[in-house]
PDB file of N, CA and C in Angstrom:
ATOM      1  N   MET A   1     -57.280  31.123   1.799  1.00  0.00           N
ATOM      2  CA  MET A   1     -56.909  30.437   3.011  1.00  0.00           C
ATOM      3  C   MET A   1     -56.001  29.254   2.708  1.00  0.00           C
ATOM      4  N   PHE A   2     -56.367  28.434   1.699  1.00  0.00           N
ATOM      5  CA  PHE A   2     -55.528  27.294   1.366  1.00  0.00           C
ATOM      6  C   PHE A   2     -54.195  27.755   0.777  1.00  0.00           C
ATOM      7  N   ARG A   3     -54.207  28.886   0.121  1.00  0.00           N
ATOM      8  CA  ARG A   3     -52.982  29.415  -0.456  1.00  0.00           C
ATOM      9  C   ARG A   3     -51.995  29.784   0.630  1.00  0.00           C
ATOM     10  N   ARG A   4     -52.475  30.420   1.677  1.00  0.00           N
ATOM     11  CA  ARG A   4     -51.604  30.792   2.793  1.00  0.00           C
ATOM     12  C   ARG A   4     -51.067  29.541   3.499  1.00  0.00           C
ATOM     13  N   THR A   5     -51.877  28.550   3.680  1.00  0.00           N
ATOM     14  CA  THR A   5     -51.461  27.309   4.328  1.00  0.00           C
ATOM     15  C   THR A   5     -50.395  26.604   3.481  1.00  0.00           C
ATOM     16  N   PHE A   6     -50.615  26.598   2.189  1.00  0.00           N
ATOM     17  CA  PHE A   6     -49.633  25.977   1.298  1.00  0.00           C
ATOM     18  C   PHE A   6     -48.285  26.662   1.413  1.00  0.00           C
ATOM     19  N   TRP A   7     -48.251  27.995   1.341  1.00  0.00           N
ATOM     20  CA  TRP A   7     -46.981  28.722   1.389  1.00  0.00           C
ATOM     21  C   TRP A   7     -46.342  28.636   2.779  1.00  0.00           C
ATOM     22  N   PHE A   8     -47.131  28.593   3.805  1.00  0.00           N
ATOM     23  CA  PHE A   8     -46.605  28.418   5.158  1.00  0.00           C
ATOM     24  C   PHE A   8     -45.919  27.056   5.281  1.00  0.00           C
ATOM     25  N   THR A   9     -46.572  26.019   4.770  1.00  0.00           N
ATOM     26  CA  THR A   9     -46.014  24.667   4.833  1.00  0.00           C
ATOM     27  C   THR A   9     -44.748  24.559   3.970  1.00  0.00           C
ATOM     28  N   ALA A  10     -44.776  25.160   2.793  1.00  0.00           N
ATOM     29  CA  ALA A  10     -43.601  25.135   1.916  1.00  0.00           C
ATOM     30  C   ALA A  10     -42.428  25.853   2.576  1.00  0.00           C
ATOM     31  N   GLY A  11     -42.690  26.982   3.238  1.00  0.00           N
ATOM     32  CA  GLY A  11     -41.629  27.725   3.929  1.00  0.00           C
ATOM     33  C   GLY A  11     -41.064  26.941   5.101  1.00  0.00           C
ATOM     34  N   ALA A  12     -41.952  26.296   5.861  1.00  0.00           N
ATOM     35  CA  ALA A  12     -41.486  25.500   7.004  1.00  0.00           C
ATOM     36  C   ALA A  12     -40.636  24.332   6.515  1.00  0.00           C
ATOM     37  N   ALA A  13     -41.054  23.659   5.443  1.00  0.00           N
ATOM     38  CA  ALA A  13     -40.282  22.536   4.897  1.00  0.00           C
ATOM     39  C   ALA A  13     -38.920  23.010   4.385  1.00  0.00           C
ATOM     40  N   ALA A  14     -38.893  24.169   3.721  1.00  0.00           N
ATOM     41  CA  ALA A  14     -37.624  24.713   3.234  1.00  0.00           C
ATOM     42  C   ALA A  14     -36.711  25.071   4.406  1.00  0.00           C
ATOM     43  N   GLY A  15     -37.269  25.589   5.478  1.00  0.00           N
ATOM     44  CA  GLY A  15     -36.478  25.914   6.664  1.00  0.00           C
ATOM     45  C   GLY A  15     -35.886  24.679   7.321  1.00  0.00           C
ATOM     46  N   VAL A  16     -36.683  23.627   7.427  1.00  0.00           N
ATOM     47  CA  VAL A  16     -36.180  22.374   8.005  1.00  0.00           C
ATOM     48  C   VAL A  16     -35.089  21.783   7.125  1.00  0.00           C
ATOM     49  N   TRP A  17     -35.302  21.801   5.815  1.00  0.00           N
ATOM     50  CA  TRP A  17     -34.307  21.273   4.883  1.00  0.00           C
ATOM     51  C   TRP A  17     -32.998  22.056   4.984  1.00  0.00           C
ATOM     52  N   ALA A  18     -33.091  23.402   4.993  1.00  0.00           N
ATOM     53  CA  ALA A  18     -31.893  24.237   5.067  1.00  0.00           C
ATOM     54  C   ALA A  18     -31.167  24.036   6.395  1.00  0.00           C
ATOM     55  N   THR A  19     -31.911  23.945   7.488  1.00  0.00           N
ATOM     56  CA  THR A  19     -31.303  23.735   8.804  1.00  0.00           C
ATOM     57  C   THR A  19     -30.569  22.393   8.856  1.00  0.00           C
ATOM     58  N   THR A  20     -31.178  21.359   8.318  1.00  0.00           N
ATOM     59  CA  THR A  20     -30.547  20.038   8.289  1.00  0.00           C
ATOM     60  C   THR A  20     -29.270  20.063   7.459  1.00  0.00           C
ATOM     61  N   LYS A  21     -29.354  20.723   6.310  1.00  0.00           N
ATOM     62  CA  LYS A  21     -28.184  20.801   5.424  1.00  0.00           C
ATOM     63  C   LYS A  21     -27.035  21.561   6.093  1.00  0.00           C
ATOM     64  N   VAL A  22     -27.324  22.663   6.748  1.00  0.00           N
ATOM     65  CA  VAL A  22     -26.295  23.458   7.435  1.00  0.00           C
ATOM     66  C   VAL A  22     -25.692  22.658   8.592  1.00  0.00           C
ATOM     67  N   ASN A  23     -26.523  21.964   9.366  1.00  0.00           N
ATOM     68  CA  ASN A  23     -26.001  21.186  10.489  1.00  0.00           C
ATOM     69  C   ASN A  23     -25.083  20.050  10.010  1.00  0.00           C
ATOM     70  N   ARG A  24     -25.431  19.419   8.907  1.00  0.00           N
ATOM     71  CA  ARG A  24     -24.557  18.376   8.361  1.00  0.00           C
ATOM     72  C   ARG A  24     -23.210  18.954   7.940  1.00  0.00           C
ATOM     73  N   LYS A  25     -23.242  20.128   7.308  1.00  0.00           N
ATOM     74  CA  LYS A  25     -22.006  20.762   6.868  1.00  0.00           C
ATOM     75  C   LYS A  25     -21.149  21.157   8.067  1.00  0.00           C
ATOM     76  N   ILE A  26     -21.784  21.660   9.109  1.00  0.00           N
ATOM     77  CA  ILE A  26     -21.047  22.057  10.314  1.00  0.00           C
ATOM     78  C   ILE A  26     -20.392  20.828  10.952  1.00  0.00           C
ATOM     79  N   ARG A  27     -21.137  19.724  11.029  1.00  0.00           N
ATOM     80  CA  ARG A  27     -20.556  18.497  11.598  1.00  0.00           C
ATOM     81  C   ARG A  27     -19.411  17.979  10.741  1.00  0.00           C
ATOM     82  N   ALA A  28     -19.496  18.150   9.426  1.00  0.00           N
ATOM     83  CA  ALA A  28     -18.438  17.676   8.534  1.00  0.00           C
ATOM     84  C   ALA A  28     -17.173  18.524   8.652  1.00  0.00           C
ATOM     85  N   LEU A  29     -17.289  19.729   9.171  1.00  0.00           N
ATOM     86  CA  LEU A  29     -16.137  20.627   9.262  1.00  0.00           C
ATOM     87  C   LEU A  29     -15.528  20.692  10.659  1.00  0.00           C
ATOM     88  N   THR A  30     -15.928  19.807  11.554  1.00  0.00           N
ATOM     89  CA  THR A  30     -15.308  19.787  12.876  1.00  0.00           C
ATOM     90  C   THR A  30     -13.901  19.201  12.748  1.00  0.00           C
ATOM     91  N   PRO A  31     -12.997  19.539  13.658  1.00  0.00           N
ATOM     92  CA  PRO A  31     -11.626  19.016  13.570  1.00  0.00           C
ATOM     93  C   PRO A  31     -11.564  17.485  13.567  1.00  0.00           C
ATOM     94  N   GLU A  32     -12.415  16.838  14.358  1.00  0.00           N
ATOM     95  CA  GLU A  32     -12.408  15.377  14.394  1.00  0.00           C
ATOM     96  C   GLU A  32     -12.810  14.792  13.044  1.00  0.00           C
ATOM     97  N   SER A  33     -13.828  15.385  12.437  1.00  0.00           N
ATOM     98  CA  SER A  33     -14.293  14.899  11.148  1.00  0.00           C
ATOM     99  C   SER A  33     -13.244  15.137  10.063  1.00  0.00           C
ATOM    100  N   LEU A  34     -12.607  16.304  10.089  1.00  0.00           N
ATOM    101  CA  LEU A  34     -11.566  16.597   9.107  1.00  0.00           C
ATOM    102  C   LEU A  34     -10.381  15.653   9.274  1.00  0.00           C
ATOM    103  N   ALA A  35     -10.017  15.343  10.515  1.00  0.00           N
ATOM    104  CA  ALA A  35      -8.918  14.407  10.760  1.00  0.00           C
ATOM    105  C   ALA A  35      -9.269  13.013  10.251  1.00  0.00           C
ATOM    106  N   ALA A  36     -10.504  12.588  10.472  1.00  0.00           N
ATOM    107  CA  ALA A  36     -10.931  11.272   9.996  1.00  0.00           C
ATOM    108  C   ALA A  36     -10.931  11.222   8.470  1.00  0.00           C
ATOM    109  N   GLN A  37     -11.383  12.289   7.832  1.00  0.00           N
ATOM    110  CA  GLN A  37     -11.370  12.334   6.378  1.00  0.00           C
ATOM    111  C   GLN A  37      -9.950  12.283   5.837  1.00  0.00           C
ATOM    112  N   ALA A  38      -9.036  13.029   6.469  1.00  0.00           N
ATOM    113  CA  ALA A  38      -7.636  13.027   6.028  1.00  0.00           C
ATOM    114  C   ALA A  38      -7.017  11.644   6.219  1.00  0.00           C
ATOM    115  N   ALA A  39      -7.317  10.999   7.332  1.00  0.00           N
ATOM    116  CA  ALA A  39      -6.778   9.656   7.577  1.00  0.00           C
ATOM    117  C   ALA A  39      -7.305   8.667   6.549  1.00  0.00           C
ATOM    118  N   ASN A  40      -8.582   8.748   6.226  1.00  0.00           N
ATOM    119  CA  ASN A  40      -9.157   7.844   5.223  1.00  0.00           C
ATOM    120  C   ASN A  40      -8.527   8.060   3.851  1.00  0.00           C
ATOM    121  N   LYS A  41      -8.294   9.320   3.490  1.00  0.00           N
ATOM    122  CA  LYS A  41      -7.666   9.606   2.199  1.00  0.00           C
ATOM    123  C   LYS A  41      -6.223   9.117   2.180  1.00  0.00           C
ATOM    124  N   ALA A  42      -5.521   9.245   3.309  1.00  0.00           N
ATOM    125  CA  ALA A  42      -4.144   8.753   3.378  1.00  0.00           C
ATOM    126  C   ALA A  42      -4.102   7.237   3.255  1.00  0.00           C
ATOM    127  N   ILE A  43      -5.038   6.567   3.885  1.00  0.00           N
ATOM    128  CA  ILE A  43      -5.097   5.101   3.790  1.00  0.00           C
ATOM    129  C   ILE A  43      -5.403   4.681   2.354  1.00  0.00           C
ATOM    130  N   ASP A  44      -6.331   5.375   1.720  1.00  0.00           N
ATOM    131  CA  ASP A  44      -6.653   5.054   0.325  1.00  0.00           C
ATOM    132  C   ASP A  44      -5.443   5.278  -0.578  1.00  0.00           C
ATOM    133  N   ALA A  45      -4.722   6.382  -0.347  1.00  0.00           N
ATOM    134  CA  ALA A  45      -3.527   6.652  -1.147  1.00  0.00           C
ATOM    135  C   ALA A  45      -2.474   5.573  -0.915  1.00  0.00           C
ATOM    136  N   GLY A  46      -2.341   5.116   0.314  1.00  0.00           N
ATOM    137  CA  GLY A  46      -1.402   4.041   0.611  1.00  0.00           C
ATOM    138  C   GLY A  46      -1.766   2.751  -0.104  1.00  0.00           C
ATOM    139  N   HIS A  47      -3.050   2.433  -0.139  1.00  0.00           N
ATOM    140  CA  HIS A  47      -3.496   1.230  -0.850  1.00  0.00           C
ATOM    141  C   HIS A  47      -3.223   1.342  -2.347  1.00  0.00           C
ATOM    142  N   ARG A  48      -3.481   2.530  -2.909  1.00  0.00           N
ATOM    143  CA  ARG A  48      -3.212   2.717  -4.339  1.00  0.00           C
ATOM    144  C   ARG A  48      -1.722   2.615  -4.626  1.00  0.00           C
ATOM    145  N   LEU A  49      -0.890   3.165  -3.736  1.00  0.00           N
ATOM    146  CA  LEU A  49       0.553   3.100  -3.914  1.00  0.00           C
ATOM    147  C   LEU A  49       1.048   1.656  -3.801  1.00  0.00           C
ATOM    148  N   LYS A  50       0.489   0.907  -2.859  1.00  0.00           N
ATOM    149  CA  LYS A  50       0.871  -0.498  -2.702  1.00  0.00           C
ATOM    150  C   LYS A  50       0.478  -1.291  -3.943  1.00  0.00           C
ATOM    151  N   ASP A  51      -0.732  -1.063  -4.461  1.00  0.00           N
ATOM    152  CA  ASP A  51      -1.168  -1.748  -5.678  1.00  0.00           C
ATOM    153  C   ASP A  51      -0.250  -1.415  -6.852  1.00  0.00           C
ATOM    154  N   PHE A  52       0.150  -0.137  -6.947  1.00  0.00           N
ATOM    155  CA  PHE A  52       1.062   0.277  -8.012  1.00  0.00           C
ATOM    156  C   PHE A  52       2.403  -0.437  -7.871  1.00  0.00           C
ATOM    157  N   ALA A  53       2.931  -0.493  -6.643  1.00  0.00           N
ATOM    158  CA  ALA A  53       4.214  -1.152  -6.416  1.00  0.00           C
ATOM    159  C   ALA A  53       4.137  -2.635  -6.756  1.00  0.00           C
ATOM    160  N   LEU A  54       3.028  -3.287  -6.409  1.00  0.00           N
ATOM    161  CA  LEU A  54       2.865  -4.705  -6.744  1.00  0.00           C
ATOM    162  C   LEU A  54       2.777  -4.906  -8.256  1.00  0.00           C
ATOM    163  N   ASP A  55       2.087  -3.998  -8.943  1.00  0.00           N
ATOM    164  CA  ASP A  55       2.014  -4.082 -10.401  1.00  0.00           C
ATOM    165  C   ASP A  55       3.392  -3.909 -11.024  1.00  0.00           C
ATOM    166  N   VAL A  56       4.162  -2.952 -10.496  1.00  0.00           N
ATOM    167  CA  VAL A  56       5.509  -2.729 -11.010  1.00  0.00           C
ATOM    168  C   VAL A  56       6.374  -3.964 -10.760  1.00  0.00           C
ATOM    169  N   ARG A  57       6.262  -4.540  -9.568  1.00  0.00           N
ATOM    170  CA  ARG A  57       7.050  -5.739  -9.241  1.00  0.00           C
ATOM    171  C   ARG A  57       6.692  -6.900 -10.172  1.00  0.00           C
ATOM    172  N   ASP A  58       5.397  -7.083 -10.438  1.00  0.00           N
ATOM    173  CA  ASP A  58       4.976  -8.146 -11.351  1.00  0.00           C
ATOM    174  C   ASP A  58       5.510  -7.902 -12.760  1.00  0.00           C
ATOM    175  N   GLY A  59       5.440  -6.645 -13.197  1.00  0.00           N
ATOM    176  CA  GLY A  59       5.971  -6.302 -14.520  1.00  0.00           C
ATOM    177  C   GLY A  59       7.471  -6.524 -14.608  1.00  0.00           C
ATOM    178  N   MET A  60       8.182  -6.188 -13.520  1.00  0.00           N
ATOM    179  CA  MET A  60       9.630  -6.404 -13.505  1.00  0.00           C
ATOM    180  C   MET A  60       9.961  -7.889 -13.587  1.00  0.00           C
ATOM    181  N   ALA A  61       9.233  -8.702 -12.828  1.00  0.00           N
ATOM    182  CA  ALA A  61       9.485 -10.142 -12.842  1.00  0.00           C
ATOM    183  C   ALA A  61       9.186 -10.728 -14.216  1.00  0.00           C
ATOM    184  N   GLN A  62       8.100 -10.265 -14.825  1.00  0.00           N
ATOM    185  CA  GLN A  62       7.751 -10.755 -16.156  1.00  0.00           C
ATOM    186  C   GLN A  62       8.811 -10.361 -17.173  1.00  0.00           C
ATOM    187  N   ARG A  63       9.243  -9.100 -17.106  1.00  0.00           N
ATOM    188  CA  ARG A  63      10.262  -8.633 -18.058  1.00  0.00           C
ATOM    189  C   ARG A  63      11.592  -9.340 -17.820  1.00  0.00           C
ATOM    190  N   GLU A  64      11.937  -9.586 -16.570  1.00  0.00           N
ATOM    191  CA  GLU A  64      13.174 -10.295 -16.257  1.00  0.00           C
ATOM    192  C   GLU A  64      13.119 -11.720 -16.807  1.00  0.00           C
ATOM    193  N   ALA A  65      11.962 -12.362 -16.681  1.00  0.00           N
ATOM    194  CA  ALA A  65      11.815 -13.709 -17.234  1.00  0.00           C
ATOM    195  C   ALA A  65      11.943 -13.687 -18.756  1.00  0.00           C
ATOM    196  N   GLU A  66      11.347 -12.676 -19.395  1.00  0.00           N
ATOM    197  CA  GLU A  66      11.447 -12.560 -20.851  1.00  0.00           C
ATOM    198  C   GLU A  66      12.893 -12.364 -21.276  1.00  0.00           C
ATOM    199  N   LEU A  67      13.599 -11.482 -20.566  1.00  0.00           N
ATOM    200  CA  LEU A  67      14.999 -11.244 -20.905  1.00  0.00           C
ATOM    201  C   LEU A  67      15.844 -12.480 -20.638  1.00  0.00           C
ATOM    202  N   GLY A  68      15.539 -13.204 -19.561  1.00  0.00           N
ATOM    203  CA  GLY A  68      16.271 -14.428 -19.272  1.00  0.00           C
ATOM    204  C   GLY A  68      16.101 -15.466 -20.361  1.00  0.00           C
ATOM    205  N   GLU A  69      14.889 -15.560 -20.898  1.00  0.00           N
ATOM    206  CA  GLU A  69      14.649 -16.505 -21.988  1.00  0.00           C
ATOM    207  C   GLU A  69      15.394 -16.080 -23.252  1.00  0.00           C
ATOM    208  N   VAL A  70      15.342 -14.781 -23.560  1.00  0.00           N
ATOM    209  CA  VAL A  70      15.989 -14.292 -24.777  1.00  0.00           C
ATOM    210  C   VAL A  70      17.508 -14.449 -24.680  1.00  0.00           C
ATOM    211  N   LEU A  71      18.068 -14.160 -23.520  1.00  0.00           N
ATOM    212  CA  LEU A  71      19.521 -14.232 -23.358  1.00  0.00           C
ATOM    213  C   LEU A  71      20.023 -15.620 -22.995  1.00  0.00           C
ATOM    214  N   GLY A  72      19.120 -16.535 -22.742  1.00  0.00           N
ATOM    215  CA  GLY A  72      19.511 -17.899 -22.425  1.00  0.00           C
ATOM    216  C   GLY A  72      20.003 -18.068 -21.003  1.00  0.00           C
ATOM    217  N   LEU A  73      19.549 -17.234 -20.096  1.00  0.00           N
ATOM    218  CA  LEU A  73      19.997 -17.310 -18.702  1.00  0.00           C
ATOM    219  C   LEU A  73      19.195 -18.300 -17.882  1.00  0.00           C
ATOM    220  N   ASN A  74      18.060 -18.726 -18.374  1.00  0.00           N
ATOM    221  CA  ASN A  74      17.205 -19.627 -17.616  1.00  0.00           C
ATOM    222  C   ASN A  74      17.521 -21.102 -17.860  1.00  0.00           C
ATOM    223  N   GLY A  75      18.403 -21.386 -18.798  1.00  0.00           N
ATOM    224  CA  GLY A  75      18.728 -22.767 -19.113  1.00  0.00           C
ATOM    225  C   GLY A  75      19.691 -23.361 -18.091  1.00  0.00           C
ATOM    226  N   ARG A  76      20.024 -24.613 -18.298  1.00  0.00           N
ATOM    227  CA  ARG A  76      20.963 -25.290 -17.407  1.00  0.00           C
ATOM    228  C   ARG A  76      22.363 -24.747 -17.652  1.00  0.00           C
ATOM    229  N   THR A  77      23.125 -24.652 -16.578  1.00  0.00           N
ATOM    230  CA  THR A  77      24.490 -24.154 -16.700  1.00  0.00           C
ATOM    231  C   THR A  77      25.432 -25.303 -17.033  1.00  0.00           C
ATOM    232  N   ASP A  78      26.501 -24.957 -17.632  1.00  0.00           N
ATOM    233  CA  ASP A  78      27.518 -25.940 -17.987  1.00  0.00           C
ATOM    234  C   ASP A  78      28.257 -26.358 -16.716  1.00  0.00           C
ATOM    235  N   PRO A  79      28.384 -27.664 -16.429  1.00  0.00           N
ATOM    236  CA  PRO A  79      29.039 -28.090 -15.194  1.00  0.00           C
ATOM    237  C   PRO A  79      30.516 -27.727 -15.144  1.00  0.00           C
ATOM    238  N   GLU A  80      31.112 -27.426 -16.268  1.00  0.00           N
ATOM    239  CA  GLU A  80      32.519 -27.057 -16.275  1.00  0.00           C
ATOM    240  C   GLU A  80      32.745 -25.609 -15.860  1.00  0.00           C
ATOM    241  N   LEU A  81      31.696 -24.792 -15.884  1.00  0.00           N
ATOM    242  CA  LEU A  81      31.837 -23.392 -15.503  1.00  0.00           C
ATOM    243  C   LEU A  81      31.948 -23.274 -13.992  1.00  0.00           C
ATOM    244  N   PRO A  82      32.649 -22.240 -13.514  1.00  0.00           N
ATOM    245  CA  PRO A  82      32.735 -22.042 -12.053  1.00  0.00           C
ATOM    246  C   PRO A  82      31.384 -21.633 -11.489  1.00  0.00           C
ATOM    247  N   THR A  83      31.219 -21.825 -10.175  1.00  0.00           N
ATOM    248  CA  THR A  83      29.964 -21.456  -9.535  1.00  0.00           C
ATOM    249  C   THR A  83      29.780 -19.953  -9.558  1.00  0.00           C
ATOM    250  N   GLN A  84      28.545 -19.537  -9.384  1.00  0.00           N
ATOM    251  CA  GLN A  84      28.275 -18.107  -9.373  1.00  0.00           C
ATOM    252  C   GLN A  84      28.929 -17.462  -8.163  1.00  0.00           C
ATOM    253  N   ARG A  85      29.294 -16.206  -8.289  1.00  0.00           N
ATOM    254  CA  ARG A  85      29.983 -15.521  -7.201  1.00  0.00           C
ATOM    255  C   ARG A  85      29.137 -15.411  -5.949  1.00  0.00           C
ATOM    256  N   ARG A  86      27.887 -15.116  -6.110  1.00  0.00           N
ATOM    257  CA  ARG A  86      27.032 -14.929  -4.936  1.00  0.00           C
ATOM    258  C   ARG A  86      26.942 -16.229  -4.139  1.00  0.00           C
ATOM    259  N   ILE A  87      26.741 -17.334  -4.810  1.00  0.00           N
ATOM    260  CA  ILE A  87      26.648 -18.613  -4.110  1.00  0.00           C
ATOM    261  C   ILE A  87      27.983 -18.958  -3.467  1.00  0.00           C
ATOM    262  N   ALA A  88      29.080 -18.679  -4.169  1.00  0.00           N
ATOM    263  CA  ALA A  88      30.389 -18.982  -3.609  1.00  0.00           C
ATOM    264  C   ALA A  88      30.690 -18.085  -2.420  1.00  0.00           C
ATOM    265  N   ALA A  89      30.226 -16.825  -2.446  1.00  0.00           N
ATOM    266  CA  ALA A  89      30.502 -15.902  -1.351  1.00  0.00           C
ATOM    267  C   ALA A  89      29.672 -16.243  -0.125  1.00  0.00           C
ATOM    268  N   ILE A  90      28.420 -16.603  -0.302  1.00  0.00           N
ATOM    269  CA  ILE A  90      27.556 -16.918   0.834  1.00  0.00           C
ATOM    270  C   ILE A  90      27.837 -18.322   1.327  1.00  0.00           C
ATOM    271  N   GLY A  91      28.035 -19.226   0.424  1.00  0.00           N
ATOM    272  CA  GLY A  91      28.268 -20.610   0.803  1.00  0.00           C
ATOM    273  C   GLY A  91      26.960 -21.317   1.061  1.00  0.00           C
ATOM    274  N   GLU A  92      27.024 -22.615   1.130  1.00  0.00           N
ATOM    275  CA  GLU A  92      25.840 -23.396   1.409  1.00  0.00           C
ATOM    276  C   GLU A  92      25.990 -24.037   2.767  1.00  0.00           C
ATOM    277  N   ALA A  93      24.888 -24.437   3.352  1.00  0.00           N
ATOM    278  CA  ALA A  93      24.922 -25.068   4.665  1.00  0.00           C
ATOM    279  C   ALA A  93      25.707 -26.364   4.584  1.00  0.00           C
ATOM    280  N   GLY A  94      26.546 -26.574   5.549  1.00  0.00           N
ATOM    281  CA  GLY A  94      27.301 -27.811   5.597  1.00  0.00           C
ATOM    282  C   GLY A  94      28.644 -27.742   4.898  1.00  0.00           C
ATOM    283  N   GLN A  95      28.983 -26.608   4.294  1.00  0.00           N
ATOM    284  CA  GLN A  95      30.283 -26.490   3.667  1.00  0.00           C
ATOM    285  C   GLN A  95      31.345 -26.276   4.743  1.00  0.00           C
ATOM    286  N   PRO A  96      32.456 -26.956   4.655  1.00  0.00           N
ATOM    287  CA  PRO A  96      33.505 -26.739   5.650  1.00  0.00           C
ATOM    288  C   PRO A  96      34.160 -25.379   5.449  1.00  0.00           C
ATOM    289  N   GLY A  97      34.571 -24.789   6.548  1.00  0.00           N
ATOM    290  CA  GLY A  97      35.264 -23.500   6.489  1.00  0.00           C
ATOM    291  C   GLY A  97      34.340 -22.307   6.550  1.00  0.00           C
ATOM    292  N   ILE A  98      33.044 -22.500   6.648  1.00  0.00           N
ATOM    293  CA  ILE A  98      32.106 -21.391   6.732  1.00  0.00           C
ATOM    294  C   ILE A  98      31.726 -21.247   8.201  1.00  0.00           C
ATOM    295  N   ASP A  99      32.230 -20.179   8.838  1.00  0.00           N
ATOM    296  CA  ASP A  99      31.952 -19.971  10.254  1.00  0.00           C
ATOM    297  C   ASP A  99      30.860 -18.939  10.482  1.00  0.00           C
ATOM    298  N   LYS A 100      30.699 -18.015   9.533  1.00  0.00           N
ATOM    299  CA  LYS A 100      29.769 -16.906   9.749  1.00  0.00           C
ATOM    300  C   LYS A 100      28.319 -17.368   9.644  1.00  0.00           C
ATOM    301  N   GLN A 101      27.503 -16.791  10.512  1.00  0.00           N
ATOM    302  CA  GLN A 101      26.062 -17.008  10.420  1.00  0.00           C
ATOM    303  C   GLN A 101      25.500 -15.940   9.496  1.00  0.00           C
ATOM    304  N   ILE A 102      24.623 -16.320   8.622  1.00  0.00           N
ATOM    305  CA  ILE A 102      23.979 -15.364   7.740  1.00  0.00           C
ATOM    306  C   ILE A 102      22.899 -14.665   8.533  1.00  0.00           C
ATOM    307  N   LYS A 103      22.920 -13.326   8.507  1.00  0.00           N
ATOM    308  CA  LYS A 103      21.956 -12.547   9.273  1.00  0.00           C
ATOM    309  C   LYS A 103      20.749 -12.247   8.396  1.00  0.00           C
ATOM    310  N   TYR A 104      19.596 -12.685   8.837  1.00  0.00           N
ATOM    311  CA  TYR A 104      18.363 -12.456   8.106  1.00  0.00           C
ATOM    312  C   TYR A 104      17.592 -11.316   8.758  1.00  0.00           C
ATOM    313  N   ILE A 105      16.660 -10.764   8.024  1.00  0.00           N
ATOM    314  CA  ILE A 105      15.865  -9.646   8.523  1.00  0.00           C
ATOM    315  C   ILE A 105      15.034 -10.058   9.735  1.00  0.00           C
ATOM    316  N   GLU A 106      14.599 -11.307   9.785  1.00  0.00           N
ATOM    317  CA  GLU A 106      13.769 -11.755  10.896  1.00  0.00           C
ATOM    318  C   GLU A 106      14.514 -11.679  12.225  1.00  0.00           C
ATOM    319  N   ASN A 107      15.851 -11.716  12.202  1.00  0.00           N
ATOM    320  CA  ASN A 107      16.626 -11.700  13.433  1.00  0.00           C
ATOM    321  C   ASN A 107      16.896 -10.290  13.938  1.00  0.00           C
ATOM    322  N   THR A 108      16.522  -9.261  13.185  1.00  0.00           N
ATOM    323  CA  THR A 108      16.812  -7.892  13.602  1.00  0.00           C
ATOM    324  C   THR A 108      15.662  -7.334  14.419  1.00  0.00           C
ATOM    325  N   THR A 109      15.936  -6.234  15.117  1.00  0.00           N
ATOM    326  CA  THR A 109      14.897  -5.584  15.915  1.00  0.00           C
ATOM    327  C   THR A 109      14.195  -4.496  15.126  1.00  0.00           C
ATOM    328  N   TYR A 110      14.691  -4.161  13.936  1.00  0.00           N
ATOM    329  CA  TYR A 110      14.076  -3.120  13.126  1.00  0.00           C
ATOM    330  C   TYR A 110      12.773  -3.636  12.539  1.00  0.00           C
ATOM    331  N   THR A 111      11.762  -2.789  12.548  1.00  0.00           N
ATOM    332  CA  THR A 111      10.468  -3.173  11.996  1.00  0.00           C
ATOM    333  C   THR A 111      10.153  -2.309  10.788  1.00  0.00           C
ATOM    334  N   TYR A 112       9.485  -2.882   9.827  1.00  0.00           N
ATOM    335  CA  TYR A 112       9.089  -2.152   8.636  1.00  0.00           C
ATOM    336  C   TYR A 112       7.649  -1.678   8.718  1.00  0.00           C
ATOM    337  N   ASN A 113       7.013  -1.839   9.861  1.00  0.00           N
ATOM    338  CA  ASN A 113       5.629  -1.423  10.026  1.00  0.00           C
ATOM    339  C   ASN A 113       5.602   0.068  10.316  1.00  0.00           C
ATOM    340  N   ARG A 114       5.114   0.853   9.395  1.00  0.00           N
ATOM    341  CA  ARG A 114       5.076   2.307   9.555  1.00  0.00           C
ATOM    342  C   ARG A 114       3.865   2.772  10.368  1.00  0.00           C
ATOM    343  N   ASN A 115       2.984   1.865  10.761  1.00  0.00           N
ATOM    344  CA  ASN A 115       1.779   2.246  11.483  1.00  0.00           C
ATOM    345  C   ASN A 115       1.991   2.309  12.988  1.00  0.00           C
ATOM    346  N   GLU A 116       3.192   2.004  13.435  1.00  0.00           N
ATOM    347  CA  GLU A 116       3.446   2.040  14.866  1.00  0.00           C
ATOM    348  C   GLU A 116       3.659   3.478  15.328  1.00  0.00           C
ATOM    349  N   ASP A 117       3.233   3.751  16.531  1.00  0.00           N
ATOM    350  CA  ASP A 117       3.495   5.055  17.125  1.00  0.00           C
ATOM    351  C   ASP A 117       4.868   5.002  17.766  1.00  0.00           C
ATOM    352  N   HIS A 118       5.705   5.955  17.446  1.00  0.00           N
ATOM    353  CA  HIS A 118       7.059   5.953  17.991  1.00  0.00           C
ATOM    354  C   HIS A 118       7.199   6.991  19.072  1.00  0.00           C
TER     355      HIS A 118
END
């Protein structure tokens, strides 16, 4: 008698466990759940890519500083040398003869936010 009760209880517990496991799997395979999983993986990939880009940028800045030190580009310039081309082309504020306004990214309507719905 106790043997039958034991096996009946074990079978019922196994049935409940299997039913719960199947229902969880079914819920995980619904389109909404799959879309949420894909979105989470895309966000994680974006974070990893951003971290990689920041690491690369830091490495580039460090290497540029090292090269500047080795080549002597970080020292003071000789006052007899002409100004750099970029500074001469852009000009500084208050210089006479400069009529053009420098256009900055903040003044444009283009956005770099890729999370917007278009």
